[in-house]
């Protein structure tokens, strides 16, 4: 049983039905926050102590309704066909940023992927020269567009570029690579985290603490 703290934040989790989204919802609840889940099918999403709103992230009006009144937004959307070039995440980011700026919601945390932007330096030979040029080629185009939408906003944002995630438990330790190849990552406008290897649960814990 989760109980909200007196100083609880109202947190909207977009893409709450996915693995990372579910872990983020659970971690936010455990931290005592008031959580709203934005999912495509409300009837299929059952979670105690969570307000559920159904909608399509490509529907600007639906996103606007969900964002209104929140203190922070966590976007855990991820494409289902990484080899196809789409604009789903770019368009979704545009709608989310627009709604947040309209309603004065400042804090945005977005799950991205290792290989986006300058993180290609940390992707490793196989990922850079094989996966990123074949299986992930469509996804990376959309991720680049999504990150650009967020970076040019006036929000307080964090991008978390994830590698392969596991279903393991939280270890208490996560290695974070920098955009320059070192151990820490930051950029003017907002920090960029690049964990090298960790579980969904560990990433959720790191994100919610922000």
C-alpha atoms as a PDB file:
ATOM      1  CA  UNK A   1       0.000   0.000   0.000  1.00  0.00           C
ATOM      2  CA  UNK A   2       1.451   3.329  -1.090  1.00  0.00           C
ATOM      3  CA  UNK A   3       0.667   6.575   0.697  1.00  0.00           C
ATOM      4  CA  UNK A   4       1.341  10.006  -0.758  1.00  0.00           C
ATOM      5  CA  UNK A   5       3.603  12.323   1.225  1.00  0.00           C
ATOM      6  CA  UNK A   6       2.462  15.758   2.308  1.00  0.00           C
ATOM      7  CA  UNK A   7       4.934  17.336  -0.116  1.00  0.00           C
ATOM      8  CA  UNK A   8       4.176  14.822  -2.859  1.00  0.00           C
ATOM      9  CA  UNK A   9       4.627  15.880  -6.449  1.00  0.00           C
ATOM     10  CA  UNK A  10       1.991  15.235  -9.085  1.00  0.00           C
ATOM     11  CA  UNK A  11       3.812  13.149 -11.672  1.00  0.00           C
ATOM     12  CA  UNK A  12       2.520  12.182 -15.096  1.00  0.00           C
ATOM     13  CA  UNK A  13       4.094   9.028 -16.567  1.00  0.00           C
ATOM     14  CA  UNK A  14       3.586   8.750 -20.320  1.00  0.00           C
ATOM     15  CA  UNK A  15       4.051   5.244 -21.675  1.00  0.00           C
ATOM     16  CA  UNK A  16       3.242   3.786 -18.263  1.00  0.00           C
ATOM     17  CA  UNK A  17       2.197   0.403 -19.659  1.00  0.00           C
ATOM     18  CA  UNK A  18       5.687  -0.507 -20.916  1.00  0.00           C
ATOM     19  CA  UNK A  19       8.400  -2.200 -18.849  1.00  0.00           C
ATOM     20  CA  UNK A  20      10.303   0.991 -18.102  1.00  0.00           C
ATOM     21  CA  UNK A  21       7.042   2.881 -17.603  1.00  0.00           C
ATOM     22  CA  UNK A  22       5.786   0.334 -15.106  1.00  0.00           C
ATOM     23  CA  UNK A  23       9.041   0.500 -13.141  1.00  0.00           C
ATOM     24  CA  UNK A  24       8.850   4.309 -13.122  1.00  0.00           C
ATOM     25  CA  UNK A  25       5.255   4.267 -11.862  1.00  0.00           C
ATOM     26  CA  UNK A  26       6.162   1.855  -9.068  1.00  0.00           C
ATOM     27  CA  UNK A  27       9.192   3.891  -8.026  1.00  0.00           C
ATOM     28  CA  UNK A  28       7.240   7.159  -8.058  1.00  0.00           C
ATOM     29  CA  UNK A  29       4.539   5.599  -5.872  1.00  0.00           C
ATOM     30  CA  UNK A  30       7.149   4.207  -3.485  1.00  0.00           C
ATOM     31  CA  UNK A  31       8.638   7.699  -3.205  1.00  0.00           C
ATOM     32  CA  UNK A  32       5.253   9.005  -2.099  1.00  0.00           C
ATOM     33  CA  UNK A  33       4.300  10.923  -5.236  1.00  0.00           C
ATOM     34  CA  UNK A  34       0.812  11.212  -6.739  1.00  0.00           C
ATOM     35  CA  UNK A  35       0.988   9.418 -10.059  1.00  0.00           C
ATOM     36  CA  UNK A  36      -1.102   9.676 -13.211  1.00  0.00           C
ATOM     37  CA  UNK A  37      -0.548   7.103 -15.962  1.00  0.00           C
ATOM     38  CA  UNK A  38      -1.097   8.099 -19.592  1.00  0.00           C
ATOM     39  CA  UNK A  39      -1.844   4.958 -21.621  1.00  0.00           C
ATOM     40  CA  UNK A  40      -3.616   4.063 -24.846  1.00  0.00           C
ATOM     41  CA  UNK A  41      -6.086   1.664 -23.240  1.00  0.00           C
ATOM     42  CA  UNK A  42      -7.342   2.544 -19.759  1.00  0.00           C
ATOM     43  CA  UNK A  43      -9.475  -0.613 -19.515  1.00  0.00           C
ATOM     44  CA  UNK A  44      -6.389  -2.836 -19.819  1.00  0.00           C
ATOM     45  CA  UNK A  45      -4.286  -0.857 -17.339  1.00  0.00           C
ATOM     46  CA  UNK A  46      -4.984  -1.724 -13.718  1.00  0.00           C
ATOM     47  CA  UNK A  47      -2.820  -0.174 -11.006  1.00  0.00           C
ATOM     48  CA  UNK A  48      -3.783   0.661  -7.443  1.00  0.00           C
ATOM     49  CA  UNK A  49      -3.279   4.248  -6.267  1.00  0.00           C
ATOM     50  CA  UNK A  50      -2.730   5.500  -9.823  1.00  0.00           C
ATOM     51  CA  UNK A  51      -4.998   7.825 -11.756  1.00  0.00           C
ATOM     52  CA  UNK A  52      -5.323   6.583 -15.307  1.00  0.00           C
ATOM     53  CA  UNK A  53      -6.011   8.699 -18.368  1.00  0.00           C
ATOM     54  CA  UNK A  54      -6.383   7.130 -21.797  1.00  0.00           C
ATOM     55  CA  UNK A  55      -5.187   8.881 -24.906  1.00  0.00           C
ATOM     56  CA  UNK A  56      -2.873   8.991 -27.876  1.00  0.00           C
ATOM     57  CA  UNK A  57       0.358  10.969 -27.512  1.00  0.00           C
ATOM     58  CA  UNK A  58      -0.113  12.151 -31.081  1.00  0.00           C
ATOM     59  CA  UNK A  59      -3.376  13.806 -30.030  1.00  0.00           C
ATOM     60  CA  UNK A  60      -2.269  17.226 -28.771  1.00  0.00           C
ATOM     61  CA  UNK A  61      -5.598  17.849 -27.015  1.00  0.00           C
ATOM     62  CA  UNK A  62      -5.377  14.582 -25.051  1.00  0.00           C
ATOM     63  CA  UNK A  63      -1.797  15.342 -23.994  1.00  0.00           C
ATOM     64  CA  UNK A  64      -2.814  18.856 -22.961  1.00  0.00           C
ATOM     65  CA  UNK A  65      -5.544  17.526 -20.656  1.00  0.00           C
ATOM     66  CA  UNK A  66      -3.169  15.032 -19.032  1.00  0.00           C
ATOM     67  CA  UNK A  67      -0.360  17.562 -18.470  1.00  0.00           C
ATOM     68  CA  UNK A  68      -2.581  20.223 -16.884  1.00  0.00           C
ATOM     69  CA  UNK A  69      -2.060  20.389 -13.125  1.00  0.00           C
ATOM     70  CA  UNK A  70       1.064  18.218 -13.001  1.00  0.00           C
ATOM     71  CA  UNK A  71       4.353  19.119 -11.303  1.00  0.00           C
ATOM     72  CA  UNK A  72       6.523  16.903 -13.512  1.00  0.00           C
ATOM     73  CA  UNK A  73       6.309  14.669 -16.552  1.00  0.00           C
ATOM     74  CA  UNK A  74       8.226  11.445 -17.216  1.00  0.00           C
ATOM     75  CA  UNK A  75       8.108  10.277 -20.829  1.00  0.00           C
ATOM     76  CA  UNK A  76       8.897   6.559 -21.164  1.00  0.00           C
ATOM     77  CA  UNK A  77       7.581   6.131 -24.715  1.00  0.00           C
ATOM     78  CA  UNK A  78       9.495   3.816 -26.993  1.00  0.00           C
ATOM     79  CA  UNK A  79       8.873   2.760 -30.575  1.00  0.00           C
ATOM     80  CA  UNK A  80       7.847  -0.808 -31.382  1.00  0.00           C
ATOM     81  CA  UNK A  81       9.506  -0.995 -34.818  1.00  0.00           C
ATOM     82  CA  UNK A  82      13.067   0.368 -34.394  1.00  0.00           C
ATOM     83  CA  UNK A  83      14.058  -0.515 -37.964  1.00  0.00           C
ATOM     84  CA  UNK A  84      11.354   1.735 -39.466  1.00  0.00           C
ATOM     85  CA  UNK A  85      11.761   5.489 -39.826  1.00  0.00           C
ATOM     86  CA  UNK A  86       8.849   7.191 -38.077  1.00  0.00           C
ATOM     87  CA  UNK A  87       8.232  10.511 -36.338  1.00  0.00           C
ATOM     88  CA  UNK A  88       6.154   9.143 -33.456  1.00  0.00           C
ATOM     89  CA  UNK A  89       8.485  10.166 -30.621  1.00  0.00           C
ATOM     90  CA  UNK A  90       9.370  13.478 -32.259  1.00  0.00           C
ATOM     91  CA  UNK A  91       5.700  14.387 -32.670  1.00  0.00           C
ATOM     92  CA  UNK A  92       4.897  13.180 -29.152  1.00  0.00           C
ATOM     93  CA  UNK A  93       7.739  15.276 -27.696  1.00  0.00           C
ATOM     94  CA  UNK A  94       6.425  18.314 -29.555  1.00  0.00           C
ATOM     95  CA  UNK A  95       2.958  17.812 -28.033  1.00  0.00           C
ATOM     96  CA  UNK A  96       4.347  17.195 -24.540  1.00  0.00           C
ATOM     97  CA  UNK A  97       6.685  20.200 -24.579  1.00  0.00           C
ATOM     98  CA  UNK A  98       3.959  22.441 -25.980  1.00  0.00           C
ATOM     99  CA  UNK A  99       1.467  21.356 -23.304  1.00  0.00           C
ATOM    100  CA  UNK A 100       4.014  21.726 -20.494  1.00  0.00           C
ATOM    101  CA  UNK A 101       4.960  25.236 -21.586  1.00  0.00           C
ATOM    102  CA  UNK A 102       1.302  26.200 -21.884  1.00  0.00           C
ATOM    103  CA  UNK A 103       0.481  24.988 -18.373  1.00  0.00           C
ATOM    104  CA  UNK A 104       3.699  26.084 -16.673  1.00  0.00           C
ATOM    105  CA  UNK A 105       4.889  22.544 -15.908  1.00  0.00           C
ATOM    106  CA  UNK A 106       8.676  22.840 -15.891  1.00  0.00           C
ATOM    107  CA  UNK A 107      10.209  19.440 -15.079  1.00  0.00           C
ATOM    108  CA  UNK A 108      10.571  16.839 -17.851  1.00  0.00           C
ATOM    109  CA  UNK A 109      12.483  13.579 -17.781  1.00  0.00           C
ATOM    110  CA  UNK A 110      12.665  11.615 -21.028  1.00  0.00           C
ATOM    111  CA  UNK A 111      13.906   8.084 -21.645  1.00  0.00           C
ATOM    112  CA  UNK A 112      16.079   7.981 -24.776  1.00  0.00           C
ATOM    113  CA  UNK A 113      18.592   5.414 -26.045  1.00  0.00           C
ATOM    114  CA  UNK A 114      22.328   4.873 -26.155  1.00  0.00           C
ATOM    115  CA  UNK A 115      23.490   5.803 -29.643  1.00  0.00           C
ATOM    116  CA  UNK A 116      21.385   8.950 -29.892  1.00  0.00           C
ATOM    117  CA  UNK A 117      23.341  12.154 -30.467  1.00  0.00           C
ATOM    118  CA  UNK A 118      26.925  12.168 -29.274  1.00  0.00           C
ATOM    119  CA  UNK A 119      26.388   9.018 -27.178  1.00  0.00           C
ATOM    120  CA  UNK A 120      27.411   7.049 -30.275  1.00  0.00           C
ATOM    121  CA  UNK A 121      30.932   7.453 -28.837  1.00  0.00           C
ATOM    122  CA  UNK A 122      29.945   5.136 -25.992  1.00  0.00           C
ATOM    123  CA  UNK A 123      27.899   2.634 -28.008  1.00  0.00           C
ATOM    124  CA  UNK A 124      30.709   0.194 -28.745  1.00  0.00           C
ATOM    125  CA  UNK A 125      31.880  -1.186 -32.087  1.00  0.00           C
ATOM    126  CA  UNK A 126      29.140  -3.787 -32.608  1.00  0.00           C
ATOM    127  CA  UNK A 127      26.325  -1.402 -31.687  1.00  0.00           C
ATOM    128  CA  UNK A 128      27.693   1.471 -33.769  1.00  0.00           C
ATOM    129  CA  UNK A 129      28.616  -0.468 -36.900  1.00  0.00           C
ATOM    130  CA  UNK A 130      25.989  -3.231 -36.894  1.00  0.00           C
ATOM    131  CA  UNK A 131      22.885  -2.612 -34.762  1.00  0.00           C
ATOM    132  CA  UNK A 132      22.683   1.152 -35.275  1.00  0.00           C
ATOM    133  CA  UNK A 133      23.007   0.796 -39.053  1.00  0.00           C
ATOM    134  CA  UNK A 134      20.418  -1.974 -39.355  1.00  0.00           C
ATOM    135  CA  UNK A 135      17.951  -2.855 -36.601  1.00  0.00           C
ATOM    136  CA  UNK A 136      18.036   0.543 -34.852  1.00  0.00           C
ATOM    137  CA  UNK A 137      18.360   2.804 -37.895  1.00  0.00           C
ATOM    138  CA  UNK A 138      14.751   4.073 -37.837  1.00  0.00           C
ATOM    139  CA  UNK A 139      14.563   4.489 -34.092  1.00  0.00           C
ATOM    140  CA  UNK A 140      17.693   6.658 -33.945  1.00  0.00           C
ATOM    141  CA  UNK A 141      16.318   9.123 -36.502  1.00  0.00           C
ATOM    142  CA  UNK A 142      13.184   9.567 -34.396  1.00  0.00           C
ATOM    143  CA  UNK A 143      15.179   9.798 -31.154  1.00  0.00           C
ATOM    144  CA  UNK A 144      17.321  12.564 -32.655  1.00  0.00           C
ATOM    145  CA  UNK A 145      14.216  14.540 -33.587  1.00  0.00           C
ATOM    146  CA  UNK A 146      12.689  13.977 -30.157  1.00  0.00           C
ATOM    147  CA  UNK A 147      15.822  15.128 -28.339  1.00  0.00           C
ATOM    148  CA  UNK A 148      15.990  18.257 -30.509  1.00  0.00           C
ATOM    149  CA  UNK A 149      12.391  19.139 -29.577  1.00  0.00           C
ATOM    150  CA  UNK A 150      13.239  18.884 -25.880  1.00  0.00           C
ATOM    151  CA  UNK A 151      16.639  20.593 -26.008  1.00  0.00           C
ATOM    152  CA  UNK A 152      15.301  23.719 -27.668  1.00  0.00           C
ATOM    153  CA  UNK A 153      12.526  24.107 -25.091  1.00  0.00           C
ATOM    154  CA  UNK A 154      12.761  26.289 -21.985  1.00  0.00           C
ATOM    155  CA  UNK A 155      11.925  23.363 -19.704  1.00  0.00           C
ATOM    156  CA  UNK A 156      14.077  21.903 -16.945  1.00  0.00           C
ATOM    157  CA  UNK A 157      14.764  18.630 -18.704  1.00  0.00           C
ATOM    158  CA  UNK A 158      16.822  15.464 -18.324  1.00  0.00           C
ATOM    159  CA  UNK A 159      17.511  12.950 -21.090  1.00  0.00           C
ATOM    160  CA  UNK A 160      18.389   9.409 -20.031  1.00  0.00           C
ATOM    161  CA  UNK A 161      20.055   7.490 -22.860  1.00  0.00           C
ATOM    162  CA  UNK A 162      19.652   3.840 -22.002  1.00  0.00           C
ATOM    163  CA  UNK A 163      21.659   0.838 -23.187  1.00  0.00           C
ATOM    164  CA  UNK A 164      20.307  -2.722 -23.035  1.00  0.00           C
ATOM    165  CA  UNK A 165      18.232  -3.069 -19.872  1.00  0.00           C
ATOM    166  CA  UNK A 166      17.784  -6.161 -17.751  1.00  0.00           C
ATOM    167  CA  UNK A 167      14.889  -7.358 -15.607  1.00  0.00           C
ATOM    168  CA  UNK A 168      17.092  -7.697 -12.540  1.00  0.00           C
ATOM    169  CA  UNK A 169      16.727  -6.050  -9.164  1.00  0.00           C
ATOM    170  CA  UNK A 170      18.194  -2.707  -8.131  1.00  0.00           C
ATOM    171  CA  UNK A 171      21.879  -3.101  -7.309  1.00  0.00           C
ATOM    172  CA  UNK A 172      22.460   0.346  -5.846  1.00  0.00           C
ATOM    173  CA  UNK A 173      25.192   0.974  -8.420  1.00  0.00           C
ATOM    174  CA  UNK A 174      24.988   2.371 -11.945  1.00  0.00           C
ATOM    175  CA  UNK A 175      27.841   3.546 -14.152  1.00  0.00           C
ATOM    176  CA  UNK A 176      27.030   6.759 -16.011  1.00  0.00           C
ATOM    177  CA  UNK A 177      29.004   7.636 -19.126  1.00  0.00           C
ATOM    178  CA  UNK A 178      29.566  11.190 -20.288  1.00  0.00           C
ATOM    179  CA  UNK A 179      28.831  12.669 -23.690  1.00  0.00           C
ATOM    180  CA  UNK A 180      32.602  13.169 -23.935  1.00  0.00           C
ATOM    181  CA  UNK A 181      33.451   9.608 -22.956  1.00  0.00           C
ATOM    182  CA  UNK A 182      34.071  10.173 -19.236  1.00  0.00           C
ATOM    183  CA  UNK A 183      32.008   9.323 -16.185  1.00  0.00           C
ATOM    184  CA  UNK A 184      29.578  12.234 -15.905  1.00  0.00           C
ATOM    185  CA  UNK A 185      27.215  13.756 -18.438  1.00  0.00           C
ATOM    186  CA  UNK A 186      25.753  17.258 -18.506  1.00  0.00           C
ATOM    187  CA  UNK A 187      24.780  19.938 -20.965  1.00  0.00           C
ATOM    188  CA  UNK A 188      23.543  23.501 -20.726  1.00  0.00           C
ATOM    189  CA  UNK A 189      19.759  23.357 -20.416  1.00  0.00           C
ATOM    190  CA  UNK A 190      19.594  19.965 -18.810  1.00  0.00           C
ATOM    191  CA  UNK A 191      21.643  16.896 -17.880  1.00  0.00           C
ATOM    192  CA  UNK A 192      22.010  13.847 -20.096  1.00  0.00           C
ATOM    193  CA  UNK A 193      22.502  10.506 -18.342  1.00  0.00           C
ATOM    194  CA  UNK A 194      24.038   7.574 -20.183  1.00  0.00           C
ATOM    195  CA  UNK A 195      24.002   4.454 -17.945  1.00  0.00           C
ATOM    196  CA  UNK A 196      26.280   1.783 -19.359  1.00  0.00           C
ATOM    197  CA  UNK A 197      24.334  -1.273 -18.113  1.00  0.00           C
ATOM    198  CA  UNK A 198      21.609  -1.629 -15.519  1.00  0.00           C
ATOM    199  CA  UNK A 199      18.103  -2.873 -14.798  1.00  0.00           C
ATOM    200  CA  UNK A 200      14.743  -1.228 -15.456  1.00  0.00           C
ATOM    201  CA  UNK A 201      14.311  -0.930 -11.692  1.00  0.00           C
ATOM    202  CA  UNK A 202      17.636   0.806 -11.155  1.00  0.00           C
ATOM    203  CA  UNK A 203      16.941   3.290 -13.943  1.00  0.00           C
ATOM    204  CA  UNK A 204      13.496   3.996 -12.475  1.00  0.00           C
ATOM    205  CA  UNK A 205      15.028   4.667  -9.066  1.00  0.00           C
ATOM    206  CA  UNK A 206      17.606   7.054 -10.548  1.00  0.00           C
ATOM    207  CA  UNK A 207      14.987   8.900 -12.598  1.00  0.00           C
ATOM    208  CA  UNK A 208      12.419   9.397  -9.857  1.00  0.00           C
ATOM    209  CA  UNK A 209      15.038  10.826  -7.504  1.00  0.00           C
ATOM    210  CA  UNK A 210      15.500  13.662  -9.989  1.00  0.00           C
END
